[in-house]
Amino acid sequence: MILTIRKTGGPGGIEELLGTVDATRFDAESHRILALQLEDLTDLTSSHEPIDGDCYRYEIEVQGPGKARNLLAVDDEGDPDHPAFKALTALLRTLGLPPL
């Protein structure tokens, strides 16, 4: 499974690649945690356009063998305690990517 995380939107309409991680190299426990985190994000994410034009959006693209491309999106509405934003932060930590 390959995960690609992008940050888009905001006042300047940015498109920034935060990282691409090949999770096939993870150990079994990391795979288990990753699967749970992706399940949580799937339950918490939205597929609508950002509510505010100045809102950042974090897009998580998941690609894997036998799977169709899956795209999850988390809108950053400025609340670091929002469950979707906290789930995204945990996912980044699991993937070894820098925090937001």
PDB file of N, CA and C in Angstrom:
ATOM      1  N   MET A   1       0.842  -1.163   0.000  1.00  0.00           N
ATOM      2  CA  MET A   1       0.000   0.000   0.000  1.00  0.00           C
ATOM      3  C   MET A   1       0.900   1.244   0.000  1.00  0.00           C
ATOM      4  N   ILE A   2       0.573   2.179  -0.857  1.00  0.00           N
ATOM      5  CA  ILE A   2       1.319   3.439  -0.927  1.00  0.00           C
ATOM      6  C   ILE A   2       0.371   4.569  -0.566  1.00  0.00           C
ATOM      7  N   LEU A   3       0.794   5.405   0.370  1.00  0.00           N
ATOM      8  CA  LEU A   3      -0.008   6.539   0.805  1.00  0.00           C
ATOM      9  C   LEU A   3       0.692   7.835   0.412  1.00  0.00           C
ATOM     10  N   THR A   4      -0.074   8.751  -0.159  1.00  0.00           N
ATOM     11  CA  THR A   4       0.440  10.057  -0.540  1.00  0.00           C
ATOM     12  C   THR A   4      -0.415  11.111   0.163  1.00  0.00           C
ATOM     13  N   ILE A   5       0.244  12.028   0.865  1.00  0.00           N
ATOM     14  CA  ILE A   5      -0.453  13.069   1.617  1.00  0.00           C
ATOM     15  C   ILE A   5      -0.131  14.425   0.990  1.00  0.00           C
ATOM     16  N   ARG A   6      -1.185  15.198   0.685  1.00  0.00           N
ATOM     17  CA  ARG A   6      -1.024  16.531   0.107  1.00  0.00           C
ATOM     18  C   ARG A   6      -1.792  17.543   0.935  1.00  0.00           C
ATOM     19  N   LYS A   7      -1.274  18.754   0.973  1.00  0.00           N
ATOM     20  CA  LYS A   7      -1.964  19.892   1.596  1.00  0.00           C
ATOM     21  C   LYS A   7      -2.346  20.836   0.469  1.00  0.00           C
ATOM     22  N   THR A   8      -3.629  21.186   0.383  1.00  0.00           N
ATOM     23  CA  THR A   8      -4.100  22.063  -0.684  1.00  0.00           C
ATOM     24  C   THR A   8      -4.947  23.180  -0.103  1.00  0.00           C
ATOM     25  N   GLY A   9      -5.216  24.193  -0.926  1.00  0.00           N
ATOM     26  CA  GLY A   9      -6.119  25.270  -0.548  1.00  0.00           C
ATOM     27  C   GLY A   9      -5.440  26.383   0.217  1.00  0.00           C
ATOM     28  N   GLY A  10      -6.170  26.952   1.150  1.00  0.00           N
ATOM     29  CA  GLY A  10      -5.667  28.064   1.940  1.00  0.00           C
ATOM     30  C   GLY A  10      -5.730  29.371   1.173  1.00  0.00           C
ATOM     31  N   PRO A  11      -5.291  30.457   1.793  1.00  0.00           N
ATOM     32  CA  PRO A  11      -5.372  31.778   1.167  1.00  0.00           C
ATOM     33  C   PRO A  11      -4.645  31.872  -0.172  1.00  0.00           C
ATOM     34  N   GLY A  12      -3.547  31.165  -0.318  1.00  0.00           N
ATOM     35  CA  GLY A  12      -2.770  31.235  -1.556  1.00  0.00           C
ATOM     36  C   GLY A  12      -3.090  30.130  -2.543  1.00  0.00           C
ATOM     37  N   GLY A  13      -4.039  29.260  -2.199  1.00  0.00           N
ATOM     38  CA  GLY A  13      -4.381  28.153  -3.078  1.00  0.00           C
ATOM     39  C   GLY A  13      -3.209  27.221  -3.338  1.00  0.00           C
ATOM     40  N   ILE A  14      -2.519  26.832  -2.263  1.00  0.00           N
ATOM     41  CA  ILE A  14      -1.313  26.024  -2.408  1.00  0.00           C
ATOM     42  C   ILE A  14      -1.622  24.578  -2.762  1.00  0.00           C
ATOM     43  N   GLU A  15      -0.640  23.895  -3.287  1.00  0.00           N
ATOM     44  CA  GLU A  15      -0.644  22.440  -3.467  1.00  0.00           C
ATOM     45  C   GLU A  15       0.737  21.974  -3.038  1.00  0.00           C
ATOM     46  N   GLU A  16       0.796  21.343  -1.865  1.00  0.00           N
ATOM     47  CA  GLU A  16       2.072  20.926  -1.287  1.00  0.00           C
ATOM     48  C   GLU A  16       2.055  19.427  -1.004  1.00  0.00           C
ATOM     49  N   LEU A  17       3.060  18.725  -1.507  1.00  0.00           N
ATOM     50  CA  LEU A  17       3.213  17.305  -1.218  1.00  0.00           C
ATOM     51  C   LEU A  17       3.884  17.171   0.143  1.00  0.00           C
ATOM     52  N   LEU A  18       3.180  16.564   1.096  1.00  0.00           N
ATOM     53  CA  LEU A  18       3.739  16.381   2.429  1.00  0.00           C
ATOM     54  C   LEU A  18       4.551  15.102   2.523  1.00  0.00           C
ATOM     55  N   GLY A  19       4.244  14.130   1.670  1.00  0.00           N
ATOM     56  CA  GLY A  19       5.025  12.902   1.667  1.00  0.00           C
ATOM     57  C   GLY A  19       4.317  11.746   0.998  1.00  0.00           C
ATOM     58  N   THR A  20       5.120  10.795   0.552  1.00  0.00           N
ATOM     59  CA  THR A  20       4.633   9.542   0.000  1.00  0.00           C
ATOM     60  C   THR A  20       5.347   8.427   0.755  1.00  0.00           C
ATOM     61  N   VAL A  21       4.565   7.466   1.240  1.00  0.00           N
ATOM     62  CA  VAL A  21       5.126   6.391   2.055  1.00  0.00           C
ATOM     63  C   VAL A  21       4.687   5.048   1.482  1.00  0.00           C
ATOM     64  N   ASP A  22       5.652   4.164   1.287  1.00  0.00           N
ATOM     65  CA  ASP A  22       5.384   2.793   0.869  1.00  0.00           C
ATOM     66  C   ASP A  22       5.244   1.956   2.140  1.00  0.00           C
ATOM     67  N   ALA A  23       4.004   1.652   2.499  1.00  0.00           N
ATOM     68  CA  ALA A  23       3.739   0.948   3.753  1.00  0.00           C
ATOM     69  C   ALA A  23       3.955  -0.554   3.650  1.00  0.00           C
ATOM     70  N   THR A  24       4.307  -1.058   2.476  1.00  0.00           N
ATOM     71  CA  THR A  24       4.552  -2.491   2.348  1.00  0.00           C
ATOM     72  C   THR A  24       5.766  -2.911   3.174  1.00  0.00           C
ATOM     73  N   ARG A  25       6.584  -1.975   3.546  1.00  0.00           N
ATOM     74  CA  ARG A  25       7.787  -2.282   4.338  1.00  0.00           C
ATOM     75  C   ARG A  25       7.534  -2.251   5.842  1.00  0.00           C
ATOM     76  N   PHE A  26       6.319  -1.897   6.242  1.00  0.00           N
ATOM     77  CA  PHE A  26       5.984  -1.836   7.665  1.00  0.00           C
ATOM     78  C   PHE A  26       5.866  -3.245   8.242  1.00  0.00           C
ATOM     79  N   ASP A  27       6.115  -3.359   9.542  1.00  0.00           N
ATOM     80  CA  ASP A  27       5.929  -4.649  10.212  1.00  0.00           C
ATOM     81  C   ASP A  27       4.427  -4.891  10.441  1.00  0.00           C
ATOM     82  N   ALA A  28       4.089  -6.080  10.908  1.00  0.00           N
ATOM     83  CA  ALA A  28       2.682  -6.477  11.052  1.00  0.00           C
ATOM     84  C   ALA A  28       1.924  -5.557  12.005  1.00  0.00           C
ATOM     85  N   GLU A  29       2.524  -5.183  13.124  1.00  0.00           N
ATOM     86  CA  GLU A  29       1.846  -4.317  14.086  1.00  0.00           C
ATOM     87  C   GLU A  29       1.593  -2.930  13.498  1.00  0.00           C
ATOM     88  N   SER A  30       2.550  -2.395  12.761  1.00  0.00           N
ATOM     89  CA  SER A  30       2.364  -1.093  12.116  1.00  0.00           C
ATOM     90  C   SER A  30       1.264  -1.159  11.060  1.00  0.00           C
ATOM     91  N   HIS A  31       1.183  -2.278  10.339  1.00  0.00           N
ATOM     92  CA  HIS A  31       0.104  -2.472   9.360  1.00  0.00           C
ATOM     93  C   HIS A  31      -1.257  -2.488  10.051  1.00  0.00           C
ATOM     94  N   ARG A  32      -1.321  -3.151  11.188  1.00  0.00           N
ATOM     95  CA  ARG A  32      -2.577  -3.221  11.942  1.00  0.00           C
ATOM     96  C   ARG A  32      -3.008  -1.823  12.389  1.00  0.00           C
ATOM     97  N   ILE A  33      -2.069  -1.067  12.940  1.00  0.00           N
ATOM     98  CA  ILE A  33      -2.361   0.292  13.400  1.00  0.00           C
ATOM     99  C   ILE A  33      -2.772   1.168  12.229  1.00  0.00           C
ATOM    100  N   LEU A  34      -2.046   1.068  11.126  1.00  0.00           N
ATOM    101  CA  LEU A  34      -2.349   1.853   9.929  1.00  0.00           C
ATOM    102  C   LEU A  34      -3.759   1.549   9.410  1.00  0.00           C
ATOM    103  N   ALA A  35      -4.127   0.278   9.367  1.00  0.00           N
ATOM    104  CA  ALA A  35      -5.458  -0.108   8.903  1.00  0.00           C
ATOM    105  C   ALA A  35      -6.547   0.497   9.795  1.00  0.00           C
ATOM    106  N   LEU A  36      -6.325   0.471  11.109  1.00  0.00           N
ATOM    107  CA  LEU A  36      -7.298   1.059  12.038  1.00  0.00           C
ATOM    108  C   LEU A  36      -7.396   2.569  11.842  1.00  0.00           C
ATOM    109  N   GLN A  37      -6.253   3.217  11.663  1.00  0.00           N
ATOM    110  CA  GLN A  37      -6.260   4.671  11.471  1.00  0.00           C
ATOM    111  C   GLN A  37      -6.957   5.053  10.168  1.00  0.00           C
ATOM    112  N   LEU A  38      -6.730   4.301   9.114  1.00  0.00           N
ATOM    113  CA  LEU A  38      -7.405   4.584   7.844  1.00  0.00           C
ATOM    114  C   LEU A  38      -8.906   4.352   7.958  1.00  0.00           C
ATOM    115  N   GLU A  39      -9.298   3.346   8.719  1.00  0.00           N
ATOM    116  CA  GLU A  39     -10.721   3.088   8.950  1.00  0.00           C
ATOM    117  C   GLU A  39     -11.345   4.258   9.706  1.00  0.00           C
ATOM    118  N   ASP A  40     -10.661   4.743  10.746  1.00  0.00           N
ATOM    119  CA  ASP A  40     -11.152   5.901  11.500  1.00  0.00           C
ATOM    120  C   ASP A  40     -11.284   7.117  10.593  1.00  0.00           C
ATOM    121  N   LEU A  41     -10.257   7.377   9.782  1.00  0.00           N
ATOM    122  CA  LEU A  41     -10.303   8.530   8.890  1.00  0.00           C
ATOM    123  C   LEU A  41     -11.426   8.405   7.873  1.00  0.00           C
ATOM    124  N   THR A  42     -11.657   7.206   7.379  1.00  0.00           N
ATOM    125  CA  THR A  42     -12.744   6.997   6.422  1.00  0.00           C
ATOM    126  C   THR A  42     -14.076   7.367   7.063  1.00  0.00           C
ATOM    127  N   ASP A  43     -14.250   7.001   8.329  1.00  0.00           N
ATOM    128  CA  ASP A  43     -15.494   7.319   9.043  1.00  0.00           C
ATOM    129  C   ASP A  43     -15.628   8.818   9.324  1.00  0.00           C
ATOM    130  N   LEU A  44     -14.508   9.533   9.450  1.00  0.00           N
ATOM    131  CA  LEU A  44     -14.526  10.935   9.870  1.00  0.00           C
ATOM    132  C   LEU A  44     -14.376  11.951   8.743  1.00  0.00           C
ATOM    133  N   THR A  45     -13.987  11.505   7.559  1.00  0.00           N
ATOM    134  CA  THR A  45     -13.658  12.454   6.498  1.00  0.00           C
ATOM    135  C   THR A  45     -14.856  12.840   5.663  1.00  0.00           C
ATOM    136  N   SER A  46     -14.620  13.912   4.908  1.00  0.00           N
ATOM    137  CA  SER A  46     -15.670  14.443   4.048  1.00  0.00           C
ATOM    138  C   SER A  46     -15.178  14.460   2.609  1.00  0.00           C
ATOM    139  N   SER A  47     -16.111  14.449   1.694  1.00  0.00           N
ATOM    140  CA  SER A  47     -15.736  14.511   0.287  1.00  0.00           C
ATOM    141  C   SER A  47     -16.225  15.805  -0.358  1.00  0.00           C
ATOM    142  N   HIS A  48     -16.732  16.724   0.458  1.00  0.00           N
ATOM    143  CA  HIS A  48     -17.219  17.994  -0.070  1.00  0.00           C
ATOM    144  C   HIS A  48     -16.077  19.001  -0.214  1.00  0.00           C
ATOM    145  N   GLU A  49     -16.350  20.073  -0.896  1.00  0.00           N
ATOM    146  CA  GLU A  49     -15.358  21.139  -1.018  1.00  0.00           C
ATOM    147  C   GLU A  49     -15.211  21.822   0.335  1.00  0.00           C
ATOM    148  N   PRO A  50     -14.042  22.407   0.618  1.00  0.00           N
ATOM    149  CA  PRO A  50     -13.861  23.087   1.897  1.00  0.00           C
ATOM    150  C   PRO A  50     -14.952  24.134   2.124  1.00  0.00           C
ATOM    151  N   ILE A  51     -15.379  24.244   3.365  1.00  0.00           N
ATOM    152  CA  ILE A  51     -16.424  25.188   3.736  1.00  0.00           C
ATOM    153  C   ILE A  51     -15.960  26.624   3.500  1.00  0.00           C
ATOM    154  N   ASP A  52     -14.722  26.897   3.804  1.00  0.00           N
ATOM    155  CA  ASP A  52     -14.155  28.240   3.720  1.00  0.00           C
ATOM    156  C   ASP A  52     -13.065  28.230   2.651  1.00  0.00           C
ATOM    157  N   GLY A  53     -13.061  29.228   1.790  1.00  0.00           N
ATOM    158  CA  GLY A  53     -12.055  29.301   0.733  1.00  0.00           C
ATOM    159  C   GLY A  53     -10.638  29.387   1.256  1.00  0.00           C
ATOM    160  N   ASP A  54     -10.471  29.852   2.498  1.00  0.00           N
ATOM    161  CA  ASP A  54      -9.142  29.954   3.101  1.00  0.00           C
ATOM    162  C   ASP A  54      -8.783  28.717   3.909  1.00  0.00           C
ATOM    163  N   CYS A  55      -9.621  27.719   3.859  1.00  0.00           N
ATOM    164  CA  CYS A  55      -9.435  26.493   4.617  1.00  0.00           C
ATOM    165  C   CYS A  55      -8.430  25.582   3.893  1.00  0.00           C
ATOM    166  N   TYR A  56      -7.509  25.010   4.660  1.00  0.00           N
ATOM    167  CA  TYR A  56      -6.599  24.024   4.078  1.00  0.00           C
ATOM    168  C   TYR A  56      -7.290  22.674   4.059  1.00  0.00           C
ATOM    169  N   ARG A  57      -6.910  21.879   3.082  1.00  0.00           N
ATOM    170  CA  ARG A  57      -7.427  20.520   2.965  1.00  0.00           C
ATOM    171  C   ARG A  57      -6.230  19.578   2.893  1.00  0.00           C
ATOM    172  N   TYR A  58      -6.303  18.506   3.653  1.00  0.00           N
ATOM    173  CA  TYR A  58      -5.276  17.464   3.616  1.00  0.00           C
ATOM    174  C   TYR A  58      -5.886  16.268   2.905  1.00  0.00           C
ATOM    175  N   GLU A  59      -5.262  15.869   1.810  1.00  0.00           N
ATOM    176  CA  GLU A  59      -5.768  14.756   1.011  1.00  0.00           C
ATOM    177  C   GLU A  59      -4.851  13.555   1.205  1.00  0.00           C
ATOM    178  N   ILE A  60      -5.460  12.423   1.494  1.00  0.00           N
ATOM    179  CA  ILE A  60      -4.730  11.178   1.697  1.00  0.00           C
ATOM    180  C   ILE A  60      -5.139  10.234   0.577  1.00  0.00           C
ATOM    181  N   GLU A  61      -4.193   9.945  -0.307  1.00  0.00           N
ATOM    182  CA  GLU A  61      -4.443   9.009  -1.402  1.00  0.00           C
ATOM    183  C   GLU A  61      -3.872   7.656  -1.007  1.00  0.00           C
ATOM    184  N   VAL A  62      -4.703   6.626  -1.107  1.00  0.00           N
ATOM    185  CA  VAL A  62      -4.291   5.276  -0.732  1.00  0.00           C
ATOM    186  C   VAL A  62      -4.349   4.403  -1.977  1.00  0.00           C
ATOM    187  N   GLN A  63      -3.214   3.802  -2.332  1.00  0.00           N
ATOM    188  CA  GLN A  63      -3.138   2.902  -3.480  1.00  0.00           C
ATOM    189  C   GLN A  63      -2.560   1.583  -3.014  1.00  0.00           C
ATOM    190  N   GLY A  64      -3.143   0.510  -3.519  1.00  0.00           N
ATOM    191  CA  GLY A  64      -2.630  -0.799  -3.147  1.00  0.00           C
ATOM    192  C   GLY A  64      -3.016  -1.834  -4.173  1.00  0.00           C
ATOM    193  N   PRO A  65      -2.345  -2.976  -4.131  1.00  0.00           N
ATOM    194  CA  PRO A  65      -2.657  -4.035  -5.088  1.00  0.00           C
ATOM    195  C   PRO A  65      -4.090  -4.524  -4.882  1.00  0.00           C
ATOM    196  N   GLY A  66      -4.811  -4.621  -5.981  1.00  0.00           N
ATOM    197  CA  GLY A  66      -6.177  -5.102  -5.915  1.00  0.00           C
ATOM    198  C   GLY A  66      -7.167  -4.099  -5.363  1.00  0.00           C
ATOM    199  N   LYS A  67      -6.715  -2.866  -5.109  1.00  0.00           N
ATOM    200  CA  LYS A  67      -7.604  -1.842  -4.569  1.00  0.00           C
ATOM    201  C   LYS A  67      -7.716  -0.698  -5.560  1.00  0.00           C
ATOM    202  N   ALA A  68      -8.898  -0.170  -5.664  1.00  0.00           N
ATOM    203  CA  ALA A  68      -9.067   1.042  -6.453  1.00  0.00           C
ATOM    204  C   ALA A  68      -8.458   2.201  -5.670  1.00  0.00           C
ATOM    205  N   ARG A  69      -8.055   3.229  -6.366  1.00  0.00           N
ATOM    206  CA  ARG A  69      -7.500   4.412  -5.710  1.00  0.00           C
ATOM    207  C   ARG A  69      -8.556   4.971  -4.758  1.00  0.00           C
ATOM    208  N   ASN A  70      -8.142   5.254  -3.544  1.00  0.00           N
ATOM    209  CA  ASN A  70      -9.036   5.780  -2.526  1.00  0.00           C
ATOM    210  C   ASN A  70      -8.504   7.130  -2.084  1.00  0.00           C
ATOM    211  N   LEU A  71      -9.376   8.130  -2.017  1.00  0.00           N
ATOM    212  CA  LEU A  71      -8.950   9.462  -1.607  1.00  0.00           C
ATOM    213  C   LEU A  71      -9.777   9.895  -0.415  1.00  0.00           C
ATOM    214  N   LEU A  72      -9.085  10.239   0.671  1.00  0.00           N
ATOM    215  CA  LEU A  72      -9.732  10.769   1.863  1.00  0.00           C
ATOM    216  C   LEU A  72      -9.337  12.225   1.995  1.00  0.00           C
ATOM    217  N   ALA A  73     -10.223  13.060   2.529  1.00  0.00           N
ATOM    218  CA  ALA A  73      -9.904  14.476   2.681  1.00  0.00           C
ATOM    219  C   ALA A  73     -10.305  14.952   4.068  1.00  0.00           C
ATOM    220  N   VAL A  74      -9.401  15.725   4.687  1.00  0.00           N
ATOM    221  CA  VAL A  74      -9.666  16.326   5.992  1.00  0.00           C
ATOM    222  C   VAL A  74      -9.534  17.828   5.823  1.00  0.00           C
ATOM    223  N   ASP A  75     -10.609  18.547   6.130  1.00  0.00           N
ATOM    224  CA  ASP A  75     -10.578  19.999   6.066  1.00  0.00           C
ATOM    225  C   ASP A  75     -10.086  20.544   7.401  1.00  0.00           C
ATOM    226  N   ASP A  76      -9.112  21.448   7.339  1.00  0.00           N
ATOM    227  CA  ASP A  76      -8.571  22.088   8.538  1.00  0.00           C
ATOM    228  C   ASP A  76      -9.353  23.373   8.771  1.00  0.00           C
ATOM    229  N   GLU A  77     -10.273  23.307   9.689  1.00  0.00           N
ATOM    230  CA  GLU A  77     -11.105  24.465   9.989  1.00  0.00           C
ATOM    231  C   GLU A  77     -10.575  25.227  11.199  1.00  0.00           C
ATOM    232  N   GLY A  78      -9.334  24.970  11.578  1.00  0.00           N
ATOM    233  CA  GLY A  78      -8.706  25.714  12.664  1.00  0.00           C
ATOM    234  C   GLY A  78      -8.895  25.117  14.043  1.00  0.00           C
ATOM    235  N   ASP A  79      -9.491  23.940  14.142  1.00  0.00           N
ATOM    236  CA  ASP A  79      -9.712  23.301  15.438  1.00  0.00           C
ATOM    237  C   ASP A  79      -8.813  22.074  15.558  1.00  0.00           C
ATOM    238  N   PRO A  80      -7.672  22.203  16.257  1.00  0.00           N
ATOM    239  CA  PRO A  80      -6.751  21.063  16.374  1.00  0.00           C
ATOM    240  C   PRO A  80      -7.328  19.897  17.166  1.00  0.00           C
ATOM    241  N   ASP A  81      -8.448  20.120  17.874  1.00  0.00           N
ATOM    242  CA  ASP A  81      -9.076  19.052  18.647  1.00  0.00           C
ATOM    243  C   ASP A  81     -10.201  18.357  17.885  1.00  0.00           C
ATOM    244  N   HIS A  82     -10.436  18.751  16.629  1.00  0.00           N
ATOM    245  CA  HIS A  82     -11.460  18.092  15.817  1.00  0.00           C
ATOM    246  C   HIS A  82     -11.027  16.639  15.611  1.00  0.00           C
ATOM    247  N   PRO A  83     -11.942  15.678  15.777  1.00  0.00           N
ATOM    248  CA  PRO A  83     -11.567  14.258  15.671  1.00  0.00           C
ATOM    249  C   PRO A  83     -10.873  13.887  14.352  1.00  0.00           C
ATOM    250  N   ALA A  84     -11.314  14.440  13.231  1.00  0.00           N
ATOM    251  CA  ALA A  84     -10.681  14.101  11.947  1.00  0.00           C
ATOM    252  C   ALA A  84      -9.257  14.641  11.888  1.00  0.00           C
ATOM    253  N   PHE A  85      -9.044  15.833  12.419  1.00  0.00           N
ATOM    254  CA  PHE A  85      -7.702  16.422  12.409  1.00  0.00           C
ATOM    255  C   PHE A  85      -6.774  15.641  13.337  1.00  0.00           C
ATOM    256  N   LYS A  86      -7.287  15.214  14.489  1.00  0.00           N
ATOM    257  CA  LYS A  86      -6.487  14.405  15.412  1.00  0.00           C
ATOM    258  C   LYS A  86      -6.143  13.049  14.784  1.00  0.00           C
ATOM    259  N   ALA A  87      -7.104  12.463  14.056  1.00  0.00           N
ATOM    260  CA  ALA A  87      -6.846  11.180  13.377  1.00  0.00           C
ATOM    261  C   ALA A  87      -5.795  11.349  12.292  1.00  0.00           C
ATOM    262  N   LEU A  88      -5.841  12.473  11.570  1.00  0.00           N
ATOM    263  CA  LEU A  88      -4.833  12.759  10.544  1.00  0.00           C
ATOM    264  C   LEU A  88      -3.456  12.903  11.173  1.00  0.00           C
ATOM    265  N   THR A  89      -3.376  13.607  12.296  1.00  0.00           N
ATOM    266  CA  THR A  89      -2.101  13.790  12.991  1.00  0.00           C
ATOM    267  C   THR A  89      -1.525  12.442  13.430  1.00  0.00           C
ATOM    268  N   ALA A  90      -2.376  11.560  13.932  1.00  0.00           N
ATOM    269  CA  ALA A  90      -1.926  10.220  14.345  1.00  0.00           C
ATOM    270  C   ALA A  90      -1.425   9.426  13.143  1.00  0.00           C
ATOM    271  N   LEU A  91      -2.128   9.532  12.014  1.00  0.00           N
ATOM    272  CA  LEU A  91      -1.708   8.833  10.804  1.00  0.00           C
ATOM    273  C   LEU A  91      -0.328   9.316  10.350  1.00  0.00           C
ATOM    274  N   LEU A  92      -0.123  10.619  10.339  1.00  0.00           N
ATOM    275  CA  LEU A  92       1.179  11.161   9.944  1.00  0.00           C
ATOM    276  C   LEU A  92       2.291  10.639  10.851  1.00  0.00           C
ATOM    277  N   ARG A  93       2.009  10.548  12.134  1.00  0.00           N
ATOM    278  CA  ARG A  93       2.996  10.032  13.095  1.00  0.00           C
ATOM    279  C   ARG A  93       3.326   8.574  12.774  1.00  0.00           C
ATOM    280  N   THR A  94       2.308   7.760  12.483  1.00  0.00           N
ATOM    281  CA  THR A  94       2.521   6.357  12.135  1.00  0.00           C
ATOM    282  C   THR A  94       3.345   6.220  10.870  1.00  0.00           C
ATOM    283  N   LEU A  95       3.099   7.110   9.904  1.00  0.00           N
ATOM    284  CA  LEU A  95       3.824   7.064   8.631  1.00  0.00           C
ATOM    285  C   LEU A  95       5.232   7.646   8.730  1.00  0.00           C
ATOM    286  N   GLY A  96       5.546   8.269   9.861  1.00  0.00           N
ATOM    287  CA  GLY A  96       6.870   8.867  10.033  1.00  0.00           C
ATOM    288  C   GLY A  96       7.024  10.196   9.321  1.00  0.00           C
ATOM    289  N   LEU A  97       5.889  10.869   9.054  1.00  0.00           N
ATOM    290  CA  LEU A  97       5.922  12.171   8.397  1.00  0.00           C
ATOM    291  C   LEU A  97       5.904  13.284   9.442  1.00  0.00           C
ATOM    292  N   PRO A  98       6.415  14.462   9.097  1.00  0.00           N
ATOM    293  CA  PRO A  98       6.434  15.569  10.057  1.00  0.00           C
ATOM    294  C   PRO A  98       5.011  15.950  10.494  1.00  0.00           C
ATOM    295  N   PRO A  99       4.887  16.395  11.744  1.00  0.00           N
ATOM    296  CA  PRO A  99       3.555  16.803  12.236  1.00  0.00           C
ATOM    297  C   PRO A  99       3.087  18.079  11.532  1.00  0.00           C
ATOM    298  N   LEU A 100       1.788  18.315  11.620  1.00  0.00           N
ATOM    299  CA  LEU A 100       1.194  19.503  10.999  1.00  0.00           C
ATOM    300  C   LEU A 100       1.456  20.741  11.833  1.00  0.00           C
TER     301      LEU A 100
END
